[in-house]
Amino acid sequence: MTTHSATTPESSPSIRDVTDPPAAQGTTALARRKPRRRWDLTLVGLVIAVIFLIPYVVMVLGSLKPRSEILHIPPSYLPHQWSPGNYSSMWSTPETPLPFNMVSTIVISVCATVIVLLVAIPAGYYTARRRFPGKLAFLGLVLITQMLQPVVLVTGLIREFFALGINDTWLAMILVNAAFNLSFAVWILHSFFASVPVEIEEAAQLDGLNRMQILTRVSLPLVWPGIVTATIFAFVSCWNEFAASLVILTTPENQPLSVALTKFIGQYDTAWQYVFGISTVGIVPVVILFAFIEKRLVAGLTAGSVK
């Protein structure tokens, strides 16, 4: 006699379990978790952005307040009396020639950055593609120079500049900034050039390109993110340089904004509205540089091709 066991509803598999394999069920659960994770990451990013932006917001609002309101206790975040005239009056202060300081900062930063790129690009390319005696020692020496700061060598630099007749000039600060930002640029570009496959350049050489054409037409588009990184690092470092400029540049018209800012900070009194205003003006070119170069950075990640 044969017996048939009855299947209860609890033991019988459901239609969803039969139709959906385990992999599909896992994918569905993962898809449900993704939106929640994205919202979590977005919330964390917003919190971090607010923390970093609060000091800049306070600085901008402080530049739009009268001095009496800045020193008022308890302080207020939003100005009760808006004073946009602080930006026009700070440029005409007789003690500090801010228009000349702005021009000095732009000239020194741009020229030093250009020199860094003109030297670092061929140096990084050569050290990445050529083997020569003392290569590791040379790269190590370049890295050691990054540990030194201009203020440490300022006495020797001033003696050299006096001997060359360029003390207290833009050229002196351009050379100082270029020299002390060159090591990082060489190292970062050396790493990017070394990551480019040699077969790409060999294929270009078979097509009849010489070494300079290979560098400009093939290698440079592939290492564009490294060039962008070196440019940003060098420009921001030159723009914010203070210690060497304070000692080497003694003429008020030749000093950059970072040094001119200290003229509004006195022993017994400080013009905080002008300090906030100059600080706001000082960060605008850096923000513009990042906004302008962001598209080039994304384009550089996809630039270049292999035949």
Protein backbone atom coordinates (compact mmCIF):
# COMPACT_ATOMS: atom_id res chain seq x y z
CA MET A 1 0.00 0.00 0.00
CA THR A 2 1.38 3.37 -0.95
CA THR A 3 0.83 6.42 1.19
CA HIS A 4 0.87 10.02 0.02
CA SER A 5 2.14 12.63 2.45
CA ALA A 6 0.11 15.80 2.53
CA THR A 7 1.94 19.03 2.07
CA THR A 8 1.05 21.83 4.41
CA PRO A 9 1.02 25.48 3.36
CA GLU A 10 3.97 26.16 5.66
CA SER A 11 6.18 23.51 4.00
CA SER A 12 5.26 24.22 0.41
CA PRO A 13 7.56 26.68 -1.41
CA SER A 14 6.01 29.99 -2.32
CA ILE A 15 5.62 31.14 -5.88
CA ARG A 16 8.21 33.93 -5.30
CA ASP A 17 10.79 31.45 -4.01
CA VAL A 18 10.32 29.24 -7.06
CA THR A 19 10.34 31.99 -9.62
CA ASP A 20 13.15 34.11 -8.12
CA PRO A 21 16.53 32.43 -7.78
CA PRO A 22 18.68 33.30 -4.73
CA ALA A 23 20.97 35.53 -6.83
CA ALA A 24 18.02 37.59 -8.02
CA GLN A 25 16.74 37.95 -4.46
CA GLY A 26 20.16 39.17 -3.33
CA THR A 27 20.29 41.67 -6.19
CA THR A 28 16.85 42.98 -5.25
CA ALA A 29 17.88 43.44 -1.63
CA LEU A 30 21.07 45.21 -2.71
CA ALA A 31 19.10 47.52 -4.98
CA ARG A 32 16.87 48.42 -2.05
CA ARG A 33 19.87 49.30 0.11
CA LYS A 34 21.58 51.46 -2.50
CA PRO A 35 19.26 54.50 -2.27
CA ARG A 36 19.55 54.50 1.50
CA ARG A 37 23.35 54.36 1.30
CA ARG A 38 23.39 57.17 -1.22
CA TRP A 39 21.32 59.34 1.09
CA ASP A 40 23.66 58.51 3.97
CA LEU A 41 26.71 59.51 1.94
CA THR A 42 24.99 62.69 0.77
CA LEU A 43 24.14 63.64 4.34
CA VAL A 44 27.71 63.03 5.51
CA GLY A 45 29.04 65.08 2.59
CA LEU A 46 26.72 67.97 3.40
CA VAL A 47 27.77 67.96 7.06
CA ILE A 48 31.47 68.02 6.13
CA ALA A 49 30.87 70.77 3.56
CA VAL A 50 29.05 72.91 6.14
CA ILE A 51 31.87 72.46 8.67
CA PHE A 52 34.47 73.61 6.13
CA LEU A 53 32.35 76.46 4.74
CA ILE A 54 31.33 78.06 8.05
CA PRO A 55 34.67 79.92 8.56
CA TYR A 56 34.49 81.33 5.03
CA VAL A 57 30.88 82.44 5.54
CA VAL A 58 31.86 84.19 8.78
CA MET A 59 34.77 85.86 6.99
CA VAL A 60 32.62 87.14 4.12
CA LEU A 61 29.91 88.41 6.49
CA GLY A 62 32.57 90.05 8.66
CA SER A 63 33.89 91.94 5.64
CA LEU A 64 30.41 93.45 5.21
CA LYS A 65 30.12 94.72 8.80
CA PRO A 66 31.33 97.99 10.32
CA ARG A 67 34.22 97.64 12.73
CA SER A 68 32.10 98.53 15.78
CA GLU A 69 29.69 95.71 14.99
CA ILE A 70 32.51 93.17 14.62
CA LEU A 71 33.81 94.01 18.11
CA HIS A 72 30.36 94.08 19.66
CA ILE A 73 29.70 91.58 22.47
CA PRO A 74 27.78 89.32 22.09
CA PRO A 75 28.67 89.04 18.41
CA SER A 76 26.05 88.70 15.70
CA TYR A 77 26.54 86.55 12.64
CA LEU A 78 24.39 88.56 10.22
CA PRO A 79 25.23 92.26 9.88
CA HIS A 80 22.69 94.67 11.36
CA GLN A 81 24.18 97.40 9.18
CA TRP A 82 25.56 96.23 5.84
CA SER A 83 28.81 97.98 4.86
CA PRO A 84 29.81 96.95 1.34
CA GLY A 85 31.87 100.15 1.20
CA ASN A 86 34.61 98.32 3.11
CA TYR A 87 35.75 96.79 -0.17
CA SER A 88 36.13 100.18 -1.86
CA SER A 89 37.73 101.96 1.09
CA MET A 90 40.34 99.25 1.75
CA TRP A 91 41.83 99.76 -1.73
CA SER A 92 42.46 103.45 -1.03
CA THR A 93 44.14 103.22 2.36
CA PRO A 94 47.27 105.42 2.32
CA GLU A 95 49.31 103.04 4.50
CA THR A 96 49.00 100.02 2.21
CA PRO A 97 49.01 100.14 -1.63
CA LEU A 98 46.67 97.18 -2.11
CA PRO A 99 46.32 97.51 -5.93
CA PHE A 100 50.09 97.14 -6.30
CA ASN A 101 50.10 94.26 -3.82
CA MET A 102 47.43 92.46 -5.84
CA VAL A 103 49.40 92.88 -9.06
CA SER A 104 52.56 91.71 -7.31
CA THR A 105 50.83 88.56 -6.04
CA ILE A 106 49.44 87.68 -9.47
CA VAL A 107 52.73 88.26 -11.30
CA ILE A 108 54.84 86.29 -8.82
CA SER A 109 52.41 83.36 -8.60
CA VAL A 110 51.77 83.02 -12.34
CA CYS A 111 55.41 83.38 -13.39
CA ALA A 112 56.66 80.97 -10.72
CA THR A 113 54.02 78.38 -11.70
CA VAL A 114 54.95 78.64 -15.38
CA ILE A 115 58.64 78.14 -14.58
CA VAL A 116 57.80 75.11 -12.42
CA LEU A 117 55.84 73.48 -15.25
CA LEU A 118 58.46 74.27 -17.92
CA VAL A 119 61.16 72.59 -15.83
CA ALA A 120 59.18 69.81 -14.14
CA ILE A 121 57.54 68.37 -17.29
CA PRO A 122 60.78 67.48 -19.16
CA ALA A 123 62.49 66.51 -15.89
CA GLY A 124 59.67 64.17 -14.89
CA TYR A 125 59.51 62.68 -18.38
CA TYR A 126 63.26 62.10 -18.61
CA THR A 127 63.54 60.47 -15.18
CA ALA A 128 60.58 58.20 -15.97
CA ARG A 129 61.82 57.06 -19.41
CA ARG A 130 65.64 57.08 -19.13
CA ARG A 131 68.05 55.12 -17.00
CA PHE A 132 71.17 57.02 -16.04
CA PRO A 133 73.80 56.70 -13.30
CA GLY A 134 72.68 58.27 -10.04
CA LYS A 135 68.99 58.31 -10.96
CA LEU A 136 67.81 57.21 -7.52
CA ALA A 137 70.22 59.62 -5.83
CA PHE A 138 68.89 62.45 -7.99
CA LEU A 139 65.26 61.67 -7.14
CA GLY A 140 66.17 61.36 -3.48
CA LEU A 141 67.90 64.74 -3.57
CA VAL A 142 64.85 66.27 -5.18
CA LEU A 143 62.69 64.83 -2.41
CA ILE A 144 65.04 66.15 0.30
CA THR A 145 64.69 69.71 -0.98
CA GLN A 146 60.94 69.45 -0.27
CA MET A 147 61.80 69.25 3.43
CA LEU A 148 63.41 72.71 3.39
CA GLN A 149 61.47 75.96 3.55
CA PRO A 150 62.53 79.35 2.12
CA VAL A 151 62.60 80.95 5.57
CA VAL A 152 65.34 78.50 6.66
CA LEU A 153 67.63 79.60 3.82
CA VAL A 154 66.57 83.25 3.76
CA THR A 155 69.96 84.59 4.93
CA GLY A 156 71.86 82.85 2.14
CA LEU A 157 69.19 83.79 -0.40
CA ILE A 158 69.41 87.47 0.49
CA ARG A 159 73.22 87.41 0.11
CA GLU A 160 72.87 85.81 -3.31
CA PHE A 161 70.22 88.29 -4.41
CA PHE A 162 72.37 91.22 -3.31
CA ALA A 163 75.28 89.76 -5.28
CA LEU A 164 73.06 89.40 -8.36
CA GLY A 165 71.47 92.80 -7.88
CA ILE A 166 67.91 91.50 -7.76
CA ASN A 167 67.12 91.92 -4.07
CA ASP A 168 63.66 93.34 -3.31
CA THR A 169 62.36 92.54 -6.80
CA TRP A 170 59.65 90.34 -8.25
CA LEU A 171 62.31 88.23 -9.96
CA ALA A 172 63.81 87.24 -6.62
CA MET A 173 60.51 85.94 -5.27
CA ILE A 174 59.67 84.24 -8.57
CA LEU A 175 62.92 82.28 -8.40
CA VAL A 176 62.40 81.40 -4.72
CA ASN A 177 58.84 80.17 -5.22
CA ALA A 178 59.74 78.25 -8.36
CA ALA A 179 62.72 76.56 -6.72
CA PHE A 180 60.87 75.42 -3.62
CA ASN A 181 57.82 74.11 -5.52
CA LEU A 182 59.80 72.32 -8.22
CA SER A 183 60.57 69.17 -6.24
CA PHE A 184 56.92 68.21 -5.69
CA ALA A 185 56.07 68.89 -9.33
CA VAL A 186 58.96 66.72 -10.56
CA TRP A 187 57.96 63.83 -8.31
CA ILE A 188 54.26 63.91 -9.19
CA LEU A 189 54.96 64.16 -12.93
CA HIS A 190 57.60 61.43 -12.72
CA SER A 191 54.97 59.11 -11.23
CA PHE A 192 52.40 59.97 -13.92
CA PHE A 193 54.86 59.55 -16.80
CA ALA A 194 56.05 56.23 -15.37
CA SER A 195 52.45 54.95 -15.32
CA VAL A 196 52.05 55.48 -19.09
CA PRO A 197 52.81 52.21 -20.98
CA VAL A 198 55.98 52.37 -23.04
CA GLU A 199 54.22 50.52 -25.89
CA ILE A 200 52.15 53.63 -26.62
CA GLU A 201 55.25 55.71 -27.26
CA GLU A 202 56.86 52.92 -29.26
CA ALA A 203 53.80 52.78 -31.53
CA ALA A 204 53.98 56.55 -32.00
CA GLN A 205 57.70 56.27 -32.82
CA LEU A 206 56.93 53.68 -35.49
CA ASP A 207 54.49 56.20 -37.01
CA GLY A 208 57.37 58.62 -37.51
CA LEU A 209 57.08 60.90 -34.46
CA ASN A 210 60.26 62.17 -32.84
CA ARG A 211 60.84 62.39 -29.09
CA MET A 212 59.47 65.92 -28.72
CA GLN A 213 56.35 65.11 -30.74
CA ILE A 214 55.78 61.99 -28.65
CA LEU A 215 56.00 64.08 -25.49
CA THR A 216 53.64 66.82 -26.67
CA ARG A 217 51.13 64.77 -28.68
CA VAL A 218 51.02 61.44 -26.87
CA SER A 219 52.39 61.60 -23.32
CA LEU A 220 51.15 65.00 -22.17
CA PRO A 221 47.44 64.28 -22.82
CA LEU A 222 47.75 61.06 -20.85
CA VAL A 223 49.36 62.75 -17.81
CA TRP A 224 47.08 65.80 -17.87
CA PRO A 225 45.70 65.06 -14.35
CA GLY A 226 49.26 65.16 -13.02
CA ILE A 227 49.92 68.49 -14.73
CA VAL A 228 46.72 69.87 -13.23
CA THR A 229 47.77 68.66 -9.77
CA ALA A 230 51.22 70.21 -10.08
CA THR A 231 49.73 73.48 -11.34
CA ILE A 232 47.26 73.78 -8.48
CA PHE A 233 49.86 72.89 -5.85
CA ALA A 234 52.46 75.32 -7.19
CA PHE A 235 50.04 78.21 -7.73
CA VAL A 236 48.37 77.93 -4.32
CA SER A 237 51.73 77.61 -2.59
CA CYS A 238 53.08 80.70 -4.37
CA TRP A 239 49.87 82.64 -3.74
CA ASN A 240 49.95 81.96 0.02
CA GLU A 241 53.72 82.35 0.54
CA PHE A 242 54.43 84.74 3.42
CA ALA A 243 57.69 84.25 5.34
CA ALA A 244 60.18 84.70 2.49
CA SER A 245 58.19 87.59 0.98
CA LEU A 246 58.20 89.39 4.32
CA VAL A 247 62.02 89.32 4.49
CA ILE A 248 63.07 89.57 0.83
CA LEU A 249 60.53 92.17 -0.34
CA THR A 250 60.90 95.37 1.70
CA THR A 251 59.24 97.86 -0.64
CA PRO A 252 55.48 98.06 0.17
CA GLU A 253 54.52 98.14 -3.53
CA ASN A 254 56.41 94.90 -4.24
CA GLN A 255 54.92 92.90 -1.38
CA PRO A 256 52.12 90.35 -2.02
CA LEU A 257 48.70 90.38 -0.38
CA SER A 258 49.77 87.91 2.29
CA VAL A 259 52.27 90.47 3.61
CA ALA A 260 50.06 93.52 3.01
CA LEU A 261 47.37 91.91 5.17
CA THR A 262 49.56 92.26 8.26
CA LYS A 263 49.63 96.05 7.87
CA PHE A 264 46.03 96.21 9.10
CA ILE A 265 46.89 94.31 12.30
CA GLY A 266 48.43 96.66 14.84
CA GLN A 267 49.67 96.33 18.38
CA TYR A 268 46.70 98.14 19.91
CA ASP A 269 44.14 98.18 17.12
CA THR A 270 43.09 95.98 14.21
CA ALA A 271 40.91 96.91 11.25
CA TRP A 272 39.03 93.64 11.17
CA GLN A 273 36.68 94.71 8.40
CA TYR A 274 39.67 95.21 6.10
CA VAL A 275 41.35 91.99 7.26
CA PHE A 276 38.22 90.03 6.37
CA GLY A 277 37.85 91.91 3.08
CA ILE A 278 41.45 91.28 1.95
CA SER A 279 41.18 87.62 2.96
CA THR A 280 38.01 87.28 0.89
CA VAL A 281 39.64 88.91 -2.13
CA GLY A 282 42.69 86.69 -1.66
CA ILE A 283 40.77 83.42 -1.93
CA VAL A 284 38.72 84.43 -5.00
CA PRO A 285 41.49 83.72 -7.60
CA VAL A 286 42.15 80.29 -6.07
CA VAL A 287 38.45 79.41 -6.22
CA ILE A 288 38.31 80.61 -9.85
CA LEU A 289 41.34 78.46 -10.68
CA PHE A 290 39.71 75.34 -9.25
CA ALA A 291 36.45 76.07 -11.07
CA PHE A 292 38.27 76.69 -14.34
CA ILE A 293 40.55 73.68 -14.15
CA GLU A 294 37.95 71.14 -13.00
CA LYS A 295 36.72 70.50 -16.54
CA ARG A 296 40.29 70.03 -17.76
CA LEU A 297 40.87 67.51 -14.99
CA VAL A 298 37.88 65.40 -16.03
CA ALA A 299 38.90 65.68 -19.69
CA GLY A 300 42.43 64.62 -18.82
CA LEU A 301 41.21 61.40 -17.25
CA THR A 302 39.79 60.28 -20.60
CA ALA A 303 42.36 61.86 -22.92
CA GLY A 304 44.73 59.86 -25.11
CA SER A 305 44.19 56.78 -27.20
CA VAL A 306 46.00 53.67 -28.40
CA LYS A 307 46.15 52.84 -32.10
